[in-house]
Amino acid sequence: MNLNNFDSMDPIMLMSIVNMKIRDEFGDLDALVKFYDIDKEKLVTKLASAGFDYLPDAKQFR
């Protein structure tokens, strides 16, 4: 799944995909946004608007 169009994705689905990719492929949010060359702040803001915060220690959005 390509995350370059995350702006138009459903936030719940986006959170699920991002958490899965961090867990299975990238290890942390910084590696994921670097790989896809996406704006980390925009991604975090989009998910925060749906009530999800990134927890660096857990390496996932909740």
PDB file of N, CA and C in Angstrom:
ATOM      1  N   MET A   1       0.848  -1.174   0.000  1.00  0.00           N
ATOM      2  CA  MET A   1       0.000   0.000   0.000  1.00  0.00           C
ATOM      3  C   MET A   1       0.889   1.230   0.000  1.00  0.00           C
ATOM      4  N   ASN A   2       0.630   2.123  -0.921  1.00  0.00           N
ATOM      5  CA  ASN A   2       1.381   3.358  -1.041  1.00  0.00           C
ATOM      6  C   ASN A   2       0.745   4.425  -0.151  1.00  0.00           C
ATOM      7  N   LEU A   3       1.535   5.059   0.685  1.00  0.00           N
ATOM      8  CA  LEU A   3       1.005   6.064   1.593  1.00  0.00           C
ATOM      9  C   LEU A   3       1.113   7.489   1.054  1.00  0.00           C
ATOM     10  N   ASN A   4       1.555   7.652  -0.169  1.00  0.00           N
ATOM     11  CA  ASN A   4       1.721   8.990  -0.715  1.00  0.00           C
ATOM     12  C   ASN A   4       0.401   9.752  -0.837  1.00  0.00           C
ATOM     13  N   ASN A   5      -0.720   9.054  -0.832  1.00  0.00           N
ATOM     14  CA  ASN A   5      -2.029   9.704  -0.914  1.00  0.00           C
ATOM     15  C   ASN A   5      -2.750   9.668   0.438  1.00  0.00           C
ATOM     16  N   PHE A   6      -1.982   9.706   1.526  1.00  0.00           N
ATOM     17  CA  PHE A   6      -2.583   9.577   2.855  1.00  0.00           C
ATOM     18  C   PHE A   6      -3.589  10.690   3.166  1.00  0.00           C
ATOM     19  N   ASP A   7      -3.460  11.858   2.517  1.00  0.00           N
ATOM     20  CA  ASP A   7      -4.382  12.982   2.770  1.00  0.00           C
ATOM     21  C   ASP A   7      -5.834  12.592   2.528  1.00  0.00           C
ATOM     22  N   SER A   8      -6.053  11.739   1.543  1.00  0.00           N
ATOM     23  CA  SER A   8      -7.424  11.390   1.169  1.00  0.00           C
ATOM     24  C   SER A   8      -7.918  10.085   1.800  1.00  0.00           C
ATOM     25  N   MET A   9      -7.089   9.464   2.621  1.00  0.00           N
ATOM     26  CA  MET A   9      -7.471   8.181   3.217  1.00  0.00           C
ATOM     27  C   MET A   9      -8.330   8.375   4.467  1.00  0.00           C
ATOM     28  N   ASP A  10      -9.161   7.386   4.733  1.00  0.00           N
ATOM     29  CA  ASP A  10      -9.925   7.344   5.967  1.00  0.00           C
ATOM     30  C   ASP A  10      -8.936   7.260   7.132  1.00  0.00           C
ATOM     31  N   PRO A  11      -9.059   8.119   8.153  1.00  0.00           N
ATOM     32  CA  PRO A  11      -8.070   8.147   9.232  1.00  0.00           C
ATOM     33  C   PRO A  11      -7.944   6.841  10.018  1.00  0.00           C
ATOM     34  N   ILE A  12      -9.033   6.122  10.188  1.00  0.00           N
ATOM     35  CA  ILE A  12      -8.962   4.858  10.933  1.00  0.00           C
ATOM     36  C   ILE A  12      -8.184   3.821  10.128  1.00  0.00           C
ATOM     37  N   MET A  13      -8.457   3.755   8.834  1.00  0.00           N
ATOM     38  CA  MET A  13      -7.728   2.839   7.961  1.00  0.00           C
ATOM     39  C   MET A  13      -6.258   3.254   7.880  1.00  0.00           C
ATOM     40  N   LEU A  14      -6.021   4.549   7.775  1.00  0.00           N
ATOM     41  CA  LEU A  14      -4.658   5.071   7.721  1.00  0.00           C
ATOM     42  C   LEU A  14      -3.878   4.692   8.975  1.00  0.00           C
ATOM     43  N   MET A  15      -4.474   4.873  10.144  1.00  0.00           N
ATOM     44  CA  MET A  15      -3.817   4.517  11.398  1.00  0.00           C
ATOM     45  C   MET A  15      -3.457   3.038  11.416  1.00  0.00           C
ATOM     46  N   SER A  16      -4.361   2.206  10.988  1.00  0.00           N
ATOM     47  CA  SER A  16      -4.118   0.768  10.961  1.00  0.00           C
ATOM     48  C   SER A  16      -2.963   0.413  10.030  1.00  0.00           C
ATOM     49  N   ILE A  17      -2.955   1.011   8.846  1.00  0.00           N
ATOM     50  CA  ILE A  17      -1.906   0.733   7.861  1.00  0.00           C
ATOM     51  C   ILE A  17      -0.554   1.239   8.364  1.00  0.00           C
ATOM     52  N   VAL A  18      -0.534   2.462   8.900  1.00  0.00           N
ATOM     53  CA  VAL A  18       0.726   3.030   9.397  1.00  0.00           C
ATOM     54  C   VAL A  18       1.278   2.181  10.534  1.00  0.00           C
ATOM     55  N   ASN A  19       0.437   1.797  11.492  1.00  0.00           N
ATOM     56  CA  ASN A  19       0.910   0.960  12.598  1.00  0.00           C
ATOM     57  C   ASN A  19       1.447  -0.376  12.095  1.00  0.00           C
ATOM     58  N   MET A  20       0.756  -0.980  11.138  1.00  0.00           N
ATOM     59  CA  MET A  20       1.214  -2.256  10.590  1.00  0.00           C
ATOM     60  C   MET A  20       2.565  -2.094   9.903  1.00  0.00           C
ATOM     61  N   LYS A  21       2.709  -1.050   9.101  1.00  0.00           N
ATOM     62  CA  LYS A  21       3.965  -0.836   8.386  1.00  0.00           C
ATOM     63  C   LYS A  21       5.113  -0.524   9.342  1.00  0.00           C
ATOM     64  N   ILE A  22       4.847   0.262  10.384  1.00  0.00           N
ATOM     65  CA  ILE A  22       5.895   0.531  11.366  1.00  0.00           C
ATOM     66  C   ILE A  22       6.313  -0.779  12.029  1.00  0.00           C
ATOM     67  N   ARG A  23       5.354  -1.575  12.421  1.00  0.00           N
ATOM     68  CA  ARG A  23       5.637  -2.843  13.103  1.00  0.00           C
ATOM     69  C   ARG A  23       6.353  -3.839  12.191  1.00  0.00           C
ATOM     70  N   ASP A  24       5.877  -3.988  10.955  1.00  0.00           N
ATOM     71  CA  ASP A  24       6.375  -5.054  10.083  1.00  0.00           C
ATOM     72  C   ASP A  24       7.543  -4.667   9.185  1.00  0.00           C
ATOM     73  N   GLU A  25       7.657  -3.371   8.845  1.00  0.00           N
ATOM     74  CA  GLU A  25       8.639  -2.988   7.834  1.00  0.00           C
ATOM     75  C   GLU A  25       9.647  -1.930   8.263  1.00  0.00           C
ATOM     76  N   PHE A  26       9.261  -1.000   9.140  1.00  0.00           N
ATOM     77  CA  PHE A  26      10.097   0.175   9.345  1.00  0.00           C
ATOM     78  C   PHE A  26      10.678   0.354  10.739  1.00  0.00           C
ATOM     79  N   GLY A  27      10.029  -0.097  11.757  1.00  0.00           N
ATOM     80  CA  GLY A  27      10.572   0.052  13.107  1.00  0.00           C
ATOM     81  C   GLY A  27      10.178   1.326  13.820  1.00  0.00           C
ATOM     82  N   ASP A  28      10.025   2.442  13.083  1.00  0.00           N
ATOM     83  CA  ASP A  28       9.552   3.678  13.707  1.00  0.00           C
ATOM     84  C   ASP A  28       8.965   4.616  12.659  1.00  0.00           C
ATOM     85  N   LEU A  29       8.313   5.658  13.147  1.00  0.00           N
ATOM     86  CA  LEU A  29       7.616   6.590  12.261  1.00  0.00           C
ATOM     87  C   LEU A  29       8.587   7.346  11.360  1.00  0.00           C
ATOM     88  N   ASP A  30       9.737   7.726  11.891  1.00  0.00           N
ATOM     89  CA  ASP A  30      10.707   8.479  11.088  1.00  0.00           C
ATOM     90  C   ASP A  30      11.165   7.689   9.857  1.00  0.00           C
ATOM     91  N   ALA A  31      11.407   6.406  10.013  1.00  0.00           N
ATOM     92  CA  ALA A  31      11.830   5.577   8.882  1.00  0.00           C
ATOM     93  C   ALA A  31      10.717   5.467   7.840  1.00  0.00           C
ATOM     94  N   LEU A  32       9.474   5.350   8.302  1.00  0.00           N
ATOM     95  CA  LEU A  32       8.342   5.250   7.377  1.00  0.00           C
ATOM     96  C   LEU A  32       8.181   6.521   6.555  1.00  0.00           C
ATOM     97  N   VAL A  33       8.193   7.696   7.213  1.00  0.00           N
ATOM     98  CA  VAL A  33       7.984   8.938   6.462  1.00  0.00           C
ATOM     99  C   VAL A  33       9.166   9.229   5.535  1.00  0.00           C
ATOM    100  N   LYS A  34      10.353   8.821   5.938  1.00  0.00           N
ATOM    101  CA  LYS A  34      11.517   9.015   5.066  1.00  0.00           C
ATOM    102  C   LYS A  34      11.394   8.145   3.815  1.00  0.00           C
ATOM    103  N   PHE A  35      11.010   6.894   3.988  1.00  0.00           N
ATOM    104  CA  PHE A  35      10.874   5.977   2.854  1.00  0.00           C
ATOM    105  C   PHE A  35       9.853   6.484   1.846  1.00  0.00           C
ATOM    106  N   TYR A  36       8.685   6.921   2.338  1.00  0.00           N
ATOM    107  CA  TYR A  36       7.616   7.382   1.452  1.00  0.00           C
ATOM    108  C   TYR A  36       7.746   8.856   1.075  1.00  0.00           C
ATOM    109  N   ASP A  37       8.724   9.552   1.660  1.00  0.00           N
ATOM    110  CA  ASP A  37       8.950  10.969   1.402  1.00  0.00           C
ATOM    111  C   ASP A  37       7.666  11.761   1.612  1.00  0.00           C
ATOM    112  N   ILE A  38       7.072  11.572   2.797  1.00  0.00           N
ATOM    113  CA  ILE A  38       5.855  12.302   3.143  1.00  0.00           C
ATOM    114  C   ILE A  38       6.135  13.208   4.337  1.00  0.00           C
ATOM    115  N   ASP A  39       5.305  14.217   4.500  1.00  0.00           N
ATOM    116  CA  ASP A  39       5.441  15.193   5.572  1.00  0.00           C
ATOM    117  C   ASP A  39       4.958  14.576   6.887  1.00  0.00           C
ATOM    118  N   LYS A  40       5.886  14.383   7.803  1.00  0.00           N
ATOM    119  CA  LYS A  40       5.568  13.750   9.086  1.00  0.00           C
ATOM    120  C   LYS A  40       4.519  14.544   9.854  1.00  0.00           C
ATOM    121  N   GLU A  41       4.666  15.863   9.891  1.00  0.00           N
ATOM    122  CA  GLU A  41       3.721  16.698  10.639  1.00  0.00           C
ATOM    123  C   GLU A  41       2.314  16.609  10.066  1.00  0.00           C
ATOM    124  N   LYS A  42       2.188  16.563   8.741  1.00  0.00           N
ATOM    125  CA  LYS A  42       0.866  16.431   8.115  1.00  0.00           C
ATOM    126  C   LYS A  42       0.233  15.090   8.466  1.00  0.00           C
ATOM    127  N   LEU A  43       1.039  14.032   8.450  1.00  0.00           N
ATOM    128  CA  LEU A  43       0.532  12.706   8.802  1.00  0.00           C
ATOM    129  C   LEU A  43       0.082  12.673  10.264  1.00  0.00           C
ATOM    130  N   VAL A  44       0.928  13.179  11.154  1.00  0.00           N
ATOM    131  CA  VAL A  44       0.599  13.195  12.586  1.00  0.00           C
ATOM    132  C   VAL A  44      -0.647  14.053  12.830  1.00  0.00           C
ATOM    133  N   THR A  45      -0.745  15.195  12.166  1.00  0.00           N
ATOM    134  CA  THR A  45      -1.895  16.079  12.322  1.00  0.00           C
ATOM    135  C   THR A  45      -3.176  15.423  11.827  1.00  0.00           C
ATOM    136  N   LYS A  46      -3.101  14.742  10.682  1.00  0.00           N
ATOM    137  CA  LYS A  46      -4.292  14.056  10.149  1.00  0.00           C
ATOM    138  C   LYS A  46      -4.787  13.004  11.137  1.00  0.00           C
ATOM    139  N   LEU A  47      -3.860  12.215  11.676  1.00  0.00           N
ATOM    140  CA  LEU A  47      -4.268  11.171  12.618  1.00  0.00           C
ATOM    141  C   LEU A  47      -4.707  11.772  13.954  1.00  0.00           C
ATOM    142  N   ALA A  48      -4.081  12.852  14.375  1.00  0.00           N
ATOM    143  CA  ALA A  48      -4.486  13.519  15.620  1.00  0.00           C
ATOM    144  C   ALA A  48      -5.906  14.076  15.504  1.00  0.00           C
ATOM    145  N   SER A  49      -6.275  14.543  14.311  1.00  0.00           N
ATOM    146  CA  SER A  49      -7.625  15.084  14.118  1.00  0.00           C
ATOM    147  C   SER A  49      -8.695  14.012  14.293  1.00  0.00           C
ATOM    148  N   ALA A  50      -8.295  12.754  14.174  1.00  0.00           N
ATOM    149  CA  ALA A  50      -9.225  11.637  14.381  1.00  0.00           C
ATOM    150  C   ALA A  50      -9.063  11.036  15.778  1.00  0.00           C
ATOM    151  N   GLY A  51      -8.219  11.675  16.615  1.00  0.00           N
ATOM    152  CA  GLY A  51      -8.069  11.222  17.994  1.00  0.00           C
ATOM    153  C   GLY A  51      -6.904  10.280  18.244  1.00  0.00           C
ATOM    154  N   PHE A  52      -6.022  10.108  17.263  1.00  0.00           N
ATOM    155  CA  PHE A  52      -4.890   9.204  17.419  1.00  0.00           C
ATOM    156  C   PHE A  52      -3.606   9.988  17.652  1.00  0.00           C
ATOM    157  N   ASP A  53      -2.883   9.615  18.685  1.00  0.00           N
ATOM    158  CA  ASP A  53      -1.595  10.234  18.990  1.00  0.00           C
ATOM    159  C   ASP A  53      -0.498   9.212  18.788  1.00  0.00           C
ATOM    160  N   TYR A  54       0.668   9.694  18.332  1.00  0.00           N
ATOM    161  CA  TYR A  54       1.810   8.800  18.167  1.00  0.00           C
ATOM    162  C   TYR A  54       2.515   8.654  19.501  1.00  0.00           C
ATOM    163  N   LEU A  55       2.721   7.411  19.913  1.00  0.00           N
ATOM    164  CA  LEU A  55       3.431   7.106  21.152  1.00  0.00           C
ATOM    165  C   LEU A  55       4.798   6.539  20.792  1.00  0.00           C
ATOM    166  N   PRO A  56       5.843   7.378  20.880  1.00  0.00           N
ATOM    167  CA  PRO A  56       7.181   6.940  20.445  1.00  0.00           C
ATOM    168  C   PRO A  56       7.687   5.686  21.161  1.00  0.00           C
ATOM    169  N   ASP A  57       7.389   5.559  22.453  1.00  0.00           N
ATOM    170  CA  ASP A  57       7.859   4.379  23.176  1.00  0.00           C
ATOM    171  C   ASP A  57       7.199   3.093  22.674  1.00  0.00           C
ATOM    172  N   ALA A  58       5.927   3.189  22.317  1.00  0.00           N
ATOM    173  CA  ALA A  58       5.200   2.030  21.792  1.00  0.00           C
ATOM    174  C   ALA A  58       5.404   1.882  20.288  1.00  0.00           C
ATOM    175  N   LYS A  59       5.879   2.953  19.642  1.00  0.00           N
ATOM    176  CA  LYS A  59       6.081   2.994  18.187  1.00  0.00           C
ATOM    177  C   LYS A  59       4.787   2.697  17.434  1.00  0.00           C
ATOM    178  N   GLN A  60       3.715   3.379  17.871  1.00  0.00           N
ATOM    179  CA  GLN A  60       2.435   3.234  17.197  1.00  0.00           C
ATOM    180  C   GLN A  60       1.500   4.382  17.553  1.00  0.00           C
ATOM    181  N   PHE A  61       0.484   4.525  16.719  1.00  0.00           N
ATOM    182  CA  PHE A  61      -0.575   5.487  16.986  1.00  0.00           C
ATOM    183  C   PHE A  61      -1.660   4.780  17.793  1.00  0.00           C
ATOM    184  N   ARG A  62      -2.197   5.497  18.762  1.00  0.00           N
ATOM    185  CA  ARG A  62      -3.308   4.967  19.566  1.00  0.00           C
ATOM    186  C   ARG A  62      -4.321   6.058  19.796  1.00  0.00           C
TER     187      ARG A  62
END
